[in-house]
Structure formats: structure tokens, C-alpha cells
Amino acid sequence: MTGLVLPCARRAAVGVASALLAGLALASHARAEDAPFFTLGPQQAGFSLAYGHGVDFAGSGVIEGDQVRVLSALPHWQIDVTRRPEEPAWYEGSLAFRVEGAISLNLEPRRGVAAGANLLLRYRLLHWKSFSPYLEAGAGLLDLAYDLVDQDNGLAFTPQGGVGVCTRIDPRTSIDAGVRFHHASNANSHLPNGGIDTLQFLLGLVFHFD
């Protein structure tokens, strides 16, 4: 039963986070009745490095999943998909669609590698000129080869979500710092499937094409 409840809980958490992002975007544009809600806007590209520290989520009893220590490279492309408010209140912002690559090296409990991609929605608050706090949620696919006792190698699904802040250092460049909760498992398509939960700490450089 635990093997079913925990994945469902994780999917529900990501679903709630995605709904929250969409709700914030709707509230942000409620006053802009004369403008289209969905519109392609500014783009950005960048590169982040992440450190992931394994955790035993909800006491699932994994043997090695909480021992992982992962270093990841995450190149990305992002585009705004809703209109930016002209004079945003503190809670107003824009919703963006983000495509992200993922190449990871696991250091503990033994060496391993993984590669894949993520699709994310990111809601950025735009009230402040020099920095933009954000919420994000999404999922991806990962080809996993960590050789863990309680998580089989092969294709894994990766629901994830987090918070962070993007800080402008000049008109075209920002520093992006954030933290994510990241889950990887294969929906019991092959066993063992204990799951790998990590807290990821990210730091990256962003180039804006406004």
C-alpha cells in the first residue's frame, strides 16, 4: 500500500503546485480585460548547476535512496506564455514554460550517471525591478543508472517543484538561485522501485532576450 500511496501523494503535490501557478497567473491578469491572457513573450536561456541531497520522504524506508549525493548540469530555454502586468502588485507576475536538460553524476553510495529532460511551469513575481521570486512545478523523464539496491536502473519519471529568486546583474543577465524537491521512480514498471527523493540546490546564469 505504501508503494502506491507515496507516488500518488507526490503526483498530487505537483498537481496542486501546478494549479497554484496557473491560479496566480489568472489573478495576475484579471484586470487586463482588453489584452489576451495567453501570449508569447520574452525568452531566456541559461545554465544551472545543482547539488542534490537524498532524503527519506515521509519515512518510506528506502535502503539507499536517501544516501544519494548528486551533481547535475541543467541547461534550459524558457518563454513567457502570459502577458506581463504593466504595474504589477506584489503578487502579480507572468507564467513561463521552461524546457530543461538534465545530466547528473551520482557520487554516493556508489558512482552512477543519469540523463534526461524536464518540462516546467514557472510563475515569476514582477513587482520588484532587480529581482523576481518564483514558484515552479513540472515533471520529466530520466534514464537512470545509479545501481541502487532499492531503485532499478532504466527509465524513471521525475515530478518536481520548488522556489527561488532570479536577480538581475545587468539588463541582459541574471543570477538564478533556488531549491527543488525532486522525485524519481518508474511507476512500478520494473522492480525494485523504492524511489529517489532529493532536495536540489541550484545556482545558475540566465541570459534574457526581452
N, C-alpha and C. Protein backbone atom coordinates (compact mmCIF):
# COMPACT_ATOMS: atom_id res chain seq x y z
N MET A 1 0.82 -1.21 0.00
CA MET A 1 0.00 0.00 0.00
C MET A 1 0.86 1.26 0.00
N THR A 2 1.94 1.25 0.80
CA THR A 2 2.82 2.42 0.86
C THR A 2 3.39 2.75 -0.50
N GLY A 3 3.73 1.68 -1.29
CA GLY A 3 4.29 1.90 -2.61
C GLY A 3 3.34 2.62 -3.54
N LEU A 4 2.01 2.51 -3.29
CA LEU A 4 1.03 3.21 -4.10
C LEU A 4 0.72 4.60 -3.55
N VAL A 5 0.63 4.70 -2.21
CA VAL A 5 0.24 5.96 -1.59
C VAL A 5 1.26 7.05 -1.82
N LEU A 6 2.55 6.75 -1.64
CA LEU A 6 3.57 7.78 -1.76
C LEU A 6 3.66 8.36 -3.16
N PRO A 7 3.70 7.52 -4.25
CA PRO A 7 3.70 8.13 -5.58
C PRO A 7 2.46 8.97 -5.84
N CYS A 8 1.29 8.52 -5.37
CA CYS A 8 0.07 9.30 -5.55
C CYS A 8 0.17 10.64 -4.82
N ALA A 9 0.75 10.61 -3.61
CA ALA A 9 0.91 11.85 -2.84
C ALA A 9 1.84 12.81 -3.56
N ARG A 10 2.90 12.28 -4.14
CA ARG A 10 3.83 13.15 -4.86
C ARG A 10 3.18 13.75 -6.10
N ARG A 11 2.44 12.91 -6.85
CA ARG A 11 1.75 13.43 -8.03
C ARG A 11 0.72 14.48 -7.63
N ALA A 12 0.02 14.24 -6.53
CA ALA A 12 -0.98 15.21 -6.07
C ALA A 12 -0.33 16.52 -5.69
N ALA A 13 0.84 16.45 -5.02
CA ALA A 13 1.54 17.67 -4.61
C ALA A 13 1.97 18.48 -5.83
N VAL A 14 2.50 17.80 -6.87
CA VAL A 14 2.89 18.52 -8.08
C VAL A 14 1.67 19.09 -8.78
N GLY A 15 0.55 18.34 -8.79
CA GLY A 15 -0.68 18.84 -9.40
C GLY A 15 -1.19 20.08 -8.71
N VAL A 16 -1.18 20.08 -7.37
CA VAL A 16 -1.62 21.25 -6.61
C VAL A 16 -0.71 22.44 -6.90
N ALA A 17 0.61 22.19 -6.96
CA ALA A 17 1.54 23.29 -7.24
C ALA A 17 1.31 23.86 -8.63
N SER A 18 1.04 22.99 -9.63
CA SER A 18 0.78 23.47 -10.99
C SER A 18 -0.50 24.28 -11.04
N ALA A 19 -1.54 23.81 -10.33
CA ALA A 19 -2.80 24.56 -10.28
C ALA A 19 -2.59 25.92 -9.62
N LEU A 20 -1.74 25.97 -8.58
CA LEU A 20 -1.46 27.23 -7.91
C LEU A 20 -0.77 28.20 -8.84
N LEU A 21 0.19 27.70 -9.63
CA LEU A 21 0.88 28.56 -10.58
C LEU A 21 -0.11 29.15 -11.58
N ALA A 22 -0.99 28.30 -12.12
CA ALA A 22 -1.97 28.78 -13.09
C ALA A 22 -2.93 29.78 -12.44
N GLY A 23 -3.35 29.51 -11.19
CA GLY A 23 -4.25 30.41 -10.49
C GLY A 23 -3.63 31.77 -10.24
N LEU A 24 -2.36 31.79 -9.87
CA LEU A 24 -1.67 33.06 -9.66
C LEU A 24 -1.58 33.85 -10.96
N ALA A 25 -1.32 33.14 -12.06
CA ALA A 25 -1.25 33.82 -13.35
C ALA A 25 -2.61 34.40 -13.73
N LEU A 26 -3.69 33.66 -13.49
CA LEU A 26 -5.03 34.17 -13.78
C LEU A 26 -5.33 35.41 -12.94
N ALA A 27 -5.00 35.36 -11.65
CA ALA A 27 -5.23 36.52 -10.79
C ALA A 27 -4.41 37.71 -11.24
N SER A 28 -3.21 37.43 -11.72
CA SER A 28 -2.32 38.49 -12.16
C SER A 28 -2.90 39.27 -13.32
N HIS A 29 -3.68 38.59 -14.16
CA HIS A 29 -4.18 39.22 -15.38
C HIS A 29 -5.67 39.50 -15.36
N ALA A 30 -6.27 39.39 -14.19
CA ALA A 30 -7.71 39.58 -14.09
C ALA A 30 -8.12 40.99 -14.50
N ARG A 31 -7.25 41.98 -14.28
CA ARG A 31 -7.60 43.36 -14.57
C ARG A 31 -7.33 43.74 -16.02
N ALA A 32 -6.61 42.89 -16.76
CA ALA A 32 -6.23 43.22 -18.13
C ALA A 32 -7.24 42.63 -19.11
N GLU A 33 -8.51 43.12 -19.06
CA GLU A 33 -9.57 42.54 -19.86
C GLU A 33 -9.39 42.82 -21.35
N ASP A 34 -8.68 43.87 -21.71
CA ASP A 34 -8.52 44.23 -23.11
C ASP A 34 -7.32 43.56 -23.75
N ALA A 35 -6.58 42.76 -23.03
CA ALA A 35 -5.39 42.10 -23.56
C ALA A 35 -5.57 40.60 -23.51
N PRO A 36 -4.98 39.86 -24.47
CA PRO A 36 -5.08 38.40 -24.44
C PRO A 36 -4.37 37.83 -23.24
N PHE A 37 -4.98 36.81 -22.65
CA PHE A 37 -4.35 36.19 -21.47
C PHE A 37 -3.10 35.43 -21.88
N PHE A 38 -3.22 34.52 -22.86
CA PHE A 38 -2.07 33.76 -23.33
C PHE A 38 -1.42 34.48 -24.49
N THR A 39 -0.14 34.78 -24.36
CA THR A 39 0.61 35.43 -25.42
C THR A 39 2.09 35.09 -25.24
N LEU A 40 2.76 34.84 -26.34
CA LEU A 40 4.18 34.53 -26.27
C LEU A 40 4.97 35.80 -26.01
N GLY A 41 5.83 35.74 -24.99
CA GLY A 41 6.56 36.94 -24.58
C GLY A 41 8.05 36.74 -24.60
N PRO A 42 8.77 37.45 -23.71
CA PRO A 42 10.23 37.38 -23.67
C PRO A 42 10.75 35.97 -23.42
N GLN A 43 11.92 35.71 -23.97
CA GLN A 43 12.58 34.42 -23.82
C GLN A 43 13.88 34.57 -23.05
N GLN A 44 14.35 33.43 -22.58
CA GLN A 44 15.66 33.39 -21.92
C GLN A 44 16.29 32.03 -22.13
N ALA A 45 17.58 31.98 -21.97
CA ALA A 45 18.34 30.73 -22.00
C ALA A 45 19.39 30.81 -20.91
N GLY A 46 19.80 29.65 -20.42
CA GLY A 46 20.79 29.67 -19.35
C GLY A 46 21.27 28.30 -18.96
N PHE A 47 21.98 28.27 -17.86
CA PHE A 47 22.66 27.05 -17.42
C PHE A 47 22.76 27.09 -15.90
N SER A 48 22.33 26.01 -15.26
CA SER A 48 22.44 25.91 -13.80
C SER A 48 23.21 24.67 -13.41
N LEU A 49 23.88 24.76 -12.26
CA LEU A 49 24.48 23.61 -11.61
C LEU A 49 23.67 23.32 -10.35
N ALA A 50 23.48 22.04 -10.04
CA ALA A 50 22.66 21.67 -8.89
C ALA A 50 23.36 20.58 -8.08
N TYR A 51 23.16 20.67 -6.77
CA TYR A 51 23.58 19.61 -5.86
C TYR A 51 22.32 19.02 -5.24
N GLY A 52 22.16 17.70 -5.35
CA GLY A 52 21.00 17.02 -4.80
C GLY A 52 21.39 16.13 -3.63
N HIS A 53 20.68 16.31 -2.52
CA HIS A 53 20.94 15.55 -1.29
C HIS A 53 19.75 14.63 -1.02
N GLY A 54 19.98 13.33 -0.96
CA GLY A 54 18.90 12.37 -0.77
C GLY A 54 18.19 12.52 0.57
N VAL A 55 16.86 12.34 0.54
CA VAL A 55 16.04 12.38 1.75
C VAL A 55 15.10 11.18 1.74
N ASP A 56 14.69 10.74 2.92
CA ASP A 56 13.71 9.66 3.04
C ASP A 56 12.34 10.32 3.19
N PHE A 57 11.66 10.55 2.08
CA PHE A 57 10.40 11.28 2.08
C PHE A 57 9.31 10.48 2.79
N ALA A 58 8.70 11.08 3.79
CA ALA A 58 7.57 10.50 4.52
C ALA A 58 7.90 9.14 5.14
N GLY A 59 9.18 8.92 5.45
CA GLY A 59 9.55 7.67 6.11
C GLY A 59 9.27 6.43 5.29
N SER A 60 9.58 6.48 3.99
CA SER A 60 9.27 5.36 3.11
C SER A 60 10.16 4.14 3.32
N GLY A 61 11.24 4.29 4.09
CA GLY A 61 12.06 3.14 4.45
C GLY A 61 13.04 2.68 3.38
N VAL A 62 13.43 3.57 2.47
CA VAL A 62 14.39 3.19 1.44
C VAL A 62 15.73 2.84 2.08
N ILE A 63 16.45 1.94 1.42
CA ILE A 63 17.73 1.48 1.95
C ILE A 63 18.87 2.40 1.50
N GLU A 64 18.87 2.74 0.21
CA GLU A 64 19.96 3.55 -0.33
C GLU A 64 19.48 4.85 -0.98
N GLY A 65 18.19 4.98 -1.25
CA GLY A 65 17.70 6.16 -1.95
C GLY A 65 18.02 7.46 -1.26
N ASP A 66 18.03 7.46 0.08
CA ASP A 66 18.32 8.69 0.82
C ASP A 66 19.82 8.93 0.99
N GLN A 67 20.66 8.04 0.43
CA GLN A 67 22.10 8.22 0.53
C GLN A 67 22.70 8.90 -0.71
N VAL A 68 21.89 9.12 -1.74
CA VAL A 68 22.43 9.67 -2.97
C VAL A 68 22.93 11.09 -2.76
N ARG A 69 23.99 11.42 -3.47
CA ARG A 69 24.57 12.77 -3.49
C ARG A 69 24.86 13.07 -4.95
N VAL A 70 24.05 13.94 -5.55
CA VAL A 70 24.03 14.10 -7.00
C VAL A 70 24.50 15.49 -7.41
N LEU A 71 25.35 15.56 -8.42
CA LEU A 71 25.72 16.80 -9.08
C LEU A 71 25.09 16.81 -10.47
N SER A 72 24.40 17.90 -10.82
CA SER A 72 23.68 17.95 -12.08
C SER A 72 24.00 19.22 -12.86
N ALA A 73 24.00 19.10 -14.18
CA ALA A 73 24.09 20.23 -15.10
C ALA A 73 22.73 20.36 -15.78
N LEU A 74 22.17 21.59 -15.76
CA LEU A 74 20.80 21.81 -16.21
C LEU A 74 20.73 23.00 -17.18
N PRO A 75 21.00 22.79 -18.47
CA PRO A 75 20.78 23.86 -19.45
C PRO A 75 19.28 24.05 -19.69
N HIS A 76 18.84 25.27 -20.00
CA HIS A 76 17.41 25.49 -20.19
C HIS A 76 17.12 26.55 -21.24
N TRP A 77 15.88 26.49 -21.75
CA TRP A 77 15.27 27.55 -22.55
C TRP A 77 13.90 27.82 -21.96
N GLN A 78 13.50 29.10 -21.91
CA GLN A 78 12.24 29.48 -21.26
C GLN A 78 11.58 30.60 -22.03
N ILE A 79 10.23 30.57 -22.09
CA ILE A 79 9.47 31.63 -22.74
C ILE A 79 8.24 31.97 -21.91
N ASP A 80 7.96 33.25 -21.75
CA ASP A 80 6.72 33.68 -21.09
C ASP A 80 5.53 33.31 -21.96
N VAL A 81 4.46 32.83 -21.33
CA VAL A 81 3.27 32.43 -22.08
C VAL A 81 2.04 33.21 -21.65
N THR A 82 2.18 34.16 -20.74
CA THR A 82 1.10 35.07 -20.37
C THR A 82 1.62 36.50 -20.40
N ARG A 83 0.69 37.43 -20.54
CA ARG A 83 1.04 38.85 -20.61
C ARG A 83 1.58 39.34 -19.28
N ARG A 84 2.61 40.18 -19.35
CA ARG A 84 3.15 40.80 -18.14
C ARG A 84 2.29 42.00 -17.73
N PRO A 85 1.91 42.10 -16.45
CA PRO A 85 1.16 43.28 -16.00
C PRO A 85 2.04 44.53 -16.08
N GLU A 86 1.40 45.67 -16.41
CA GLU A 86 2.17 46.90 -16.61
C GLU A 86 2.70 47.47 -15.29
N GLU A 87 1.87 47.49 -14.25
CA GLU A 87 2.29 47.97 -12.94
C GLU A 87 1.91 46.91 -11.91
N PRO A 88 2.71 45.85 -11.82
CA PRO A 88 2.30 44.69 -11.00
C PRO A 88 2.30 44.97 -9.51
N ALA A 89 1.25 44.46 -8.84
CA ALA A 89 1.26 44.39 -7.38
C ALA A 89 2.25 43.32 -6.95
N TRP A 90 2.45 43.18 -5.64
CA TRP A 90 3.50 42.27 -5.16
C TRP A 90 3.23 40.83 -5.56
N TYR A 91 1.95 40.45 -5.73
CA TYR A 91 1.62 39.06 -6.03
C TYR A 91 1.46 38.80 -7.54
N GLU A 92 1.62 39.84 -8.37
CA GLU A 92 1.38 39.69 -9.80
C GLU A 92 2.66 39.37 -10.55
N GLY A 93 2.51 38.64 -11.65
CA GLY A 93 3.67 38.27 -12.43
C GLY A 93 3.28 37.64 -13.75
N SER A 94 4.13 36.76 -14.25
CA SER A 94 3.87 36.09 -15.51
C SER A 94 4.20 34.61 -15.39
N LEU A 95 3.51 33.82 -16.19
CA LEU A 95 3.72 32.38 -16.23
C LEU A 95 4.62 32.05 -17.41
N ALA A 96 5.62 31.21 -17.18
CA ALA A 96 6.57 30.85 -18.23
C ALA A 96 6.64 29.34 -18.39
N PHE A 97 6.92 28.91 -19.61
CA PHE A 97 7.13 27.50 -19.94
C PHE A 97 8.62 27.27 -20.08
N ARG A 98 9.13 26.23 -19.44
CA ARG A 98 10.57 26.01 -19.36
C ARG A 98 10.90 24.59 -19.83
N VAL A 99 11.87 24.48 -20.74
CA VAL A 99 12.40 23.19 -21.19
C VAL A 99 13.83 23.09 -20.66
N GLU A 100 14.11 21.98 -20.01
CA GLU A 100 15.38 21.87 -19.27
C GLU A 100 16.01 20.51 -19.54
N GLY A 101 17.28 20.50 -19.90
CA GLY A 101 18.04 19.26 -19.97
C GLY A 101 18.60 18.91 -18.60
N ALA A 102 18.95 17.64 -18.43
CA ALA A 102 19.48 17.20 -17.13
C ALA A 102 20.53 16.11 -17.35
N ILE A 103 21.75 16.39 -16.92
CA ILE A 103 22.83 15.41 -16.93
C ILE A 103 23.38 15.34 -15.51
N SER A 104 23.34 14.14 -14.91
CA SER A 104 23.65 14.02 -13.48
C SER A 104 24.73 12.97 -13.23
N LEU A 105 25.54 13.25 -12.23
CA LEU A 105 26.55 12.31 -11.73
C LEU A 105 26.24 12.04 -10.27
N ASN A 106 25.96 10.79 -9.95
CA ASN A 106 25.71 10.41 -8.55
C ASN A 106 27.03 9.98 -7.91
N LEU A 107 27.29 10.46 -6.70
CA LEU A 107 28.56 10.19 -6.02
C LEU A 107 28.44 9.13 -4.93
N GLU A 108 27.26 8.99 -4.31
CA GLU A 108 27.04 8.06 -3.21
C GLU A 108 25.70 7.34 -3.38
N PRO A 109 25.56 6.13 -2.89
CA PRO A 109 26.54 5.28 -2.21
C PRO A 109 27.56 4.64 -3.16
N ARG A 110 27.34 4.81 -4.50
CA ARG A 110 28.32 4.40 -5.48
C ARG A 110 28.15 5.30 -6.70
N ARG A 111 29.15 5.30 -7.58
CA ARG A 111 29.09 6.17 -8.74
C ARG A 111 28.02 5.71 -9.72
N GLY A 112 27.35 6.69 -10.33
CA GLY A 112 26.35 6.40 -11.35
C GLY A 112 26.05 7.66 -12.15
N VAL A 113 25.33 7.50 -13.26
CA VAL A 113 25.01 8.63 -14.12
C VAL A 113 23.53 8.57 -14.50
N ALA A 114 23.02 9.71 -14.96
CA ALA A 114 21.65 9.80 -15.45
C ALA A 114 21.57 10.95 -16.43
N ALA A 115 20.63 10.86 -17.37
CA ALA A 115 20.41 11.93 -18.34
C ALA A 115 18.94 11.96 -18.71
N GLY A 116 18.42 13.17 -18.95
CA GLY A 116 17.02 13.28 -19.31
C GLY A 116 16.63 14.71 -19.58
N ALA A 117 15.34 15.02 -19.43
CA ALA A 117 14.81 16.35 -19.70
C ALA A 117 13.60 16.61 -18.82
N ASN A 118 13.35 17.90 -18.54
CA ASN A 118 12.22 18.32 -17.72
C ASN A 118 11.39 19.36 -18.46
N LEU A 119 10.08 19.35 -18.22
CA LEU A 119 9.16 20.40 -18.66
C LEU A 119 8.57 21.02 -17.40
N LEU A 120 8.69 22.34 -17.28
CA LEU A 120 8.28 23.03 -16.05
C LEU A 120 7.45 24.26 -16.37
N LEU A 121 6.55 24.61 -15.44
CA LEU A 121 5.89 25.90 -15.44
C LEU A 121 6.47 26.72 -14.31
N ARG A 122 6.81 27.97 -14.61
CA ARG A 122 7.40 28.85 -13.60
C ARG A 122 6.58 30.14 -13.53
N TYR A 123 6.13 30.49 -12.32
CA TYR A 123 5.42 31.75 -12.09
C TYR A 123 6.35 32.71 -11.39
N ARG A 124 6.64 33.84 -12.05
CA ARG A 124 7.58 34.83 -11.53
C ARG A 124 6.85 36.08 -11.08
N LEU A 125 7.15 36.55 -9.88
CA LEU A 125 6.62 37.81 -9.39
C LEU A 125 7.43 38.96 -9.98
N LEU A 126 6.73 39.98 -10.48
CA LEU A 126 7.39 41.05 -11.24
C LEU A 126 7.30 42.42 -10.59
N HIS A 127 6.88 42.47 -9.34
CA HIS A 127 6.72 43.75 -8.66
C HIS A 127 8.06 44.47 -8.47
N TRP A 128 9.10 43.71 -8.22
CA TRP A 128 10.42 44.29 -7.95
C TRP A 128 11.24 44.31 -9.24
N LYS A 129 11.99 45.37 -9.46
CA LYS A 129 12.72 45.55 -10.71
C LYS A 129 14.00 44.72 -10.77
N SER A 130 14.69 44.61 -9.64
CA SER A 130 16.02 43.99 -9.67
C SER A 130 16.01 42.49 -9.40
N PHE A 131 14.90 41.97 -8.84
CA PHE A 131 14.85 40.53 -8.59
C PHE A 131 13.41 40.03 -8.73
N SER A 132 13.29 38.73 -9.07
CA SER A 132 11.99 38.11 -9.31
C SER A 132 11.90 36.79 -8.57
N PRO A 133 11.20 36.75 -7.43
CA PRO A 133 10.94 35.45 -6.79
C PRO A 133 10.03 34.61 -7.69
N TYR A 134 10.13 33.29 -7.55
CA TYR A 134 9.32 32.42 -8.40
C TYR A 134 8.95 31.13 -7.69
N LEU A 135 7.86 30.54 -8.21
CA LEU A 135 7.44 29.18 -7.89
C LEU A 135 7.50 28.38 -9.18
N GLU A 136 7.84 27.09 -9.10
CA GLU A 136 7.87 26.27 -10.30
C GLU A 136 7.46 24.84 -9.98
N ALA A 137 6.90 24.17 -10.98
CA ALA A 137 6.49 22.78 -10.84
C ALA A 137 6.48 22.13 -12.22
N GLY A 138 6.73 20.84 -12.26
CA GLY A 138 6.72 20.13 -13.54
C GLY A 138 7.15 18.69 -13.36
N ALA A 139 7.58 18.09 -14.46
CA ALA A 139 7.98 16.69 -14.44
C ALA A 139 8.90 16.44 -15.63
N GLY A 140 9.53 15.27 -15.62
CA GLY A 140 10.41 14.93 -16.71
C GLY A 140 10.64 13.43 -16.79
N LEU A 141 11.55 13.07 -17.68
CA LEU A 141 11.97 11.68 -17.86
C LEU A 141 13.48 11.61 -17.65
N LEU A 142 13.93 10.50 -17.07
CA LEU A 142 15.34 10.34 -16.74
C LEU A 142 15.76 8.90 -17.03
N ASP A 143 16.87 8.74 -17.75
CA ASP A 143 17.47 7.43 -17.95
C ASP A 143 18.49 7.23 -16.83
N LEU A 144 18.12 6.40 -15.87
CA LEU A 144 18.83 6.29 -14.60
C LEU A 144 19.77 5.09 -14.59
N ALA A 145 21.00 5.30 -14.08
CA ALA A 145 21.96 4.21 -13.92
C ALA A 145 22.78 4.45 -12.65
N TYR A 146 22.09 4.37 -11.49
CA TYR A 146 22.74 4.61 -10.20
C TYR A 146 23.11 3.31 -9.49
N ASP A 147 22.60 2.17 -9.95
CA ASP A 147 22.90 0.86 -9.36
C ASP A 147 22.57 0.80 -7.86
N LEU A 148 21.37 1.26 -7.50
CA LEU A 148 20.93 1.25 -6.11
C LEU A 148 20.21 -0.04 -5.77
N VAL A 149 20.25 -0.39 -4.49
CA VAL A 149 19.58 -1.61 -4.03
C VAL A 149 18.07 -1.50 -4.19
N ASP A 150 17.49 -0.32 -3.90
CA ASP A 150 16.03 -0.20 -3.88
C ASP A 150 15.46 0.64 -5.01
N GLN A 151 16.26 0.92 -6.06
CA GLN A 151 15.73 1.58 -7.26
C GLN A 151 16.42 1.03 -8.49
N ASP A 152 15.63 0.36 -9.35
CA ASP A 152 16.20 -0.25 -10.54
C ASP A 152 16.66 0.82 -11.53
N ASN A 153 17.67 0.47 -12.32
CA ASN A 153 18.11 1.34 -13.39
C ASN A 153 17.06 1.38 -14.50
N GLY A 154 17.20 2.35 -15.41
CA GLY A 154 16.30 2.44 -16.54
C GLY A 154 15.47 3.72 -16.50
N LEU A 155 14.39 3.73 -17.27
CA LEU A 155 13.55 4.91 -17.40
C LEU A 155 12.85 5.24 -16.09
N ALA A 156 12.90 6.51 -15.68
CA ALA A 156 12.23 6.99 -14.46
C ALA A 156 11.49 8.28 -14.77
N PHE A 157 10.40 8.50 -14.03
CA PHE A 157 9.62 9.73 -14.12
C PHE A 157 10.03 10.64 -12.97
N THR A 158 10.06 11.96 -13.24
CA THR A 158 10.64 12.87 -12.26
C THR A 158 9.73 14.07 -11.97
N PRO A 159 8.63 13.89 -11.22
CA PRO A 159 7.88 15.05 -10.74
C PRO A 159 8.73 15.88 -9.79
N GLN A 160 8.57 17.21 -9.85
CA GLN A 160 9.43 18.10 -9.07
C GLN A 160 8.79 19.47 -8.94
N GLY A 161 9.22 20.21 -7.94
CA GLY A 161 8.74 21.56 -7.74
C GLY A 161 9.64 22.30 -6.78
N GLY A 162 9.62 23.64 -6.86
CA GLY A 162 10.50 24.39 -5.98
C GLY A 162 10.22 25.88 -5.98
N VAL A 163 11.12 26.61 -5.33
CA VAL A 163 11.06 28.06 -5.21
C VAL A 163 12.45 28.62 -5.45
N GLY A 164 12.49 29.92 -5.75
CA GLY A 164 13.79 30.55 -5.94
C GLY A 164 13.65 32.02 -6.23
N VAL A 165 14.76 32.62 -6.65
CA VAL A 165 14.77 34.03 -7.00
C VAL A 165 15.77 34.26 -8.11
N CYS A 166 15.37 35.08 -9.07
CA CYS A 166 16.22 35.45 -10.20
C CYS A 166 16.61 36.92 -10.02
N THR A 167 17.92 37.22 -9.92
CA THR A 167 18.40 38.56 -9.61
C THR A 167 19.18 39.14 -10.78
N ARG A 168 18.74 40.30 -11.28
CA ARG A 168 19.41 40.95 -12.41
C ARG A 168 20.77 41.51 -11.98
N ILE A 169 21.78 41.22 -12.79
CA ILE A 169 23.09 41.84 -12.57
C ILE A 169 23.40 42.86 -13.66
N ASP A 170 22.67 42.82 -14.79
CA ASP A 170 22.66 43.86 -15.81
C ASP A 170 21.39 43.64 -16.64
N PRO A 171 21.07 44.52 -17.60
CA PRO A 171 19.80 44.41 -18.30
C PRO A 171 19.58 43.08 -19.01
N ARG A 172 20.64 42.35 -19.35
CA ARG A 172 20.50 41.12 -20.11
C ARG A 172 20.89 39.86 -19.35
N THR A 173 21.34 40.00 -18.11
CA THR A 173 21.89 38.85 -17.40
C THR A 173 21.37 38.80 -15.97
N SER A 174 21.09 37.57 -15.50
CA SER A 174 20.63 37.36 -14.13
C SER A 174 21.33 36.18 -13.50
N ILE A 175 21.35 36.18 -12.18
CA ILE A 175 21.76 35.02 -11.39
C ILE A 175 20.49 34.36 -10.86
N ASP A 176 20.39 33.04 -11.05
CA ASP A 176 19.21 32.28 -10.62
C ASP A 176 19.62 31.34 -9.49
N ALA A 177 18.96 31.46 -8.34
CA ALA A 177 19.24 30.58 -7.20
C ALA A 177 17.92 30.01 -6.70
N GLY A 178 17.89 28.70 -6.44
CA GLY A 178 16.65 28.09 -6.00
C GLY A 178 16.86 26.75 -5.31
N VAL A 179 15.75 26.21 -4.83
CA VAL A 179 15.75 24.89 -4.21
C VAL A 179 14.54 24.13 -4.73
N ARG A 180 14.70 22.84 -5.01
CA ARG A 180 13.63 21.99 -5.53
C ARG A 180 13.55 20.70 -4.74
N PHE A 181 12.32 20.18 -4.66
CA PHE A 181 12.12 18.80 -4.27
C PHE A 181 11.98 17.99 -5.55
N HIS A 182 12.77 16.93 -5.70
CA HIS A 182 12.85 16.14 -6.94
C HIS A 182 12.65 14.67 -6.60
N HIS A 183 11.71 14.06 -7.29
CA HIS A 183 11.43 12.63 -7.10
C HIS A 183 11.73 11.88 -8.39
N ALA A 184 12.25 10.66 -8.28
CA ALA A 184 12.48 9.80 -9.44
C ALA A 184 12.04 8.39 -9.12
N SER A 185 11.15 7.84 -9.94
CA SER A 185 10.73 6.44 -9.83
C SER A 185 10.09 6.04 -11.15
N ASN A 186 9.76 4.75 -11.29
CA ASN A 186 9.31 4.25 -12.59
C ASN A 186 7.87 3.76 -12.62
N ALA A 187 7.05 4.18 -11.63
CA ALA A 187 5.63 3.79 -11.58
C ALA A 187 5.45 2.28 -11.54
N ASN A 188 6.41 1.59 -10.92
CA ASN A 188 6.36 0.12 -10.77
C ASN A 188 6.37 -0.62 -12.09
N SER A 189 6.94 0.00 -13.14
CA SER A 189 7.07 -0.71 -14.41
C SER A 189 8.15 -1.78 -14.35
N HIS A 190 9.10 -1.63 -13.45
CA HIS A 190 10.09 -2.67 -13.17
C HIS A 190 10.57 -2.47 -11.74
N LEU A 191 10.90 -3.57 -11.09
CA LEU A 191 11.27 -3.55 -9.67
C LEU A 191 12.74 -3.82 -9.48
N PRO A 192 13.31 -3.35 -8.35
CA PRO A 192 12.69 -2.60 -7.25
C PRO A 192 12.40 -1.15 -7.66
N ASN A 193 11.47 -0.53 -6.94
CA ASN A 193 11.06 0.83 -7.26
C ASN A 193 10.80 1.61 -5.97
N GLY A 194 11.81 1.70 -5.12
CA GLY A 194 11.68 2.42 -3.86
C GLY A 194 11.61 3.92 -4.03
N GLY A 195 12.11 4.44 -5.17
CA GLY A 195 12.09 5.87 -5.41
C GLY A 195 13.33 6.58 -4.86
N ILE A 196 13.67 7.67 -5.51
CA ILE A 196 14.80 8.50 -5.08
C ILE A 196 14.27 9.92 -4.89
N ASP A 197 14.28 10.41 -3.67
CA ASP A 197 13.85 11.76 -3.35
C ASP A 197 15.07 12.59 -2.97
N THR A 198 15.20 13.76 -3.59
CA THR A 198 16.33 14.64 -3.27
C THR A 198 15.85 16.07 -3.11
N LEU A 199 16.54 16.80 -2.25
CA LEU A 199 16.46 18.26 -2.23
C LEU A 199 17.60 18.77 -3.10
N GLN A 200 17.26 19.56 -4.11
CA GLN A 200 18.25 20.08 -5.03
C GLN A 200 18.46 21.57 -4.78
N PHE A 201 19.71 21.97 -4.70
CA PHE A 201 20.09 23.37 -4.53
C PHE A 201 20.75 23.84 -5.82
N LEU A 202 20.15 24.85 -6.46
CA LEU A 202 20.55 25.25 -7.80
C LEU A 202 21.13 26.66 -7.81
N LEU A 203 22.14 26.84 -8.67
CA LEU A 203 22.71 28.16 -8.91
C LEU A 203 23.05 28.25 -10.39
N GLY A 204 22.57 29.32 -11.06
CA GLY A 204 22.78 29.39 -12.49
C GLY A 204 22.89 30.79 -13.02
N LEU A 205 23.22 30.86 -14.32
CA LEU A 205 23.36 32.12 -15.05
C LEU A 205 22.30 32.15 -16.14
N VAL A 206 21.59 33.28 -16.26
CA VAL A 206 20.49 33.41 -17.21
C VAL A 206 20.76 34.59 -18.16
N PHE A 207 20.48 34.37 -19.46
CA PHE A 207 20.60 35.41 -20.46
C PHE A 207 19.22 35.72 -21.01
N HIS A 208 18.79 37.00 -20.92
CA HIS A 208 17.43 37.40 -21.28
C HIS A 208 17.40 37.95 -22.72
N PHE A 209 16.29 37.62 -23.41
CA PHE A 209 16.05 38.14 -24.75
C PHE A 209 14.71 38.86 -24.72
N ASP A 210 14.66 40.00 -24.02
CA ASP A 210 13.42 40.76 -23.84
C ASP A 210 13.04 41.50 -25.13
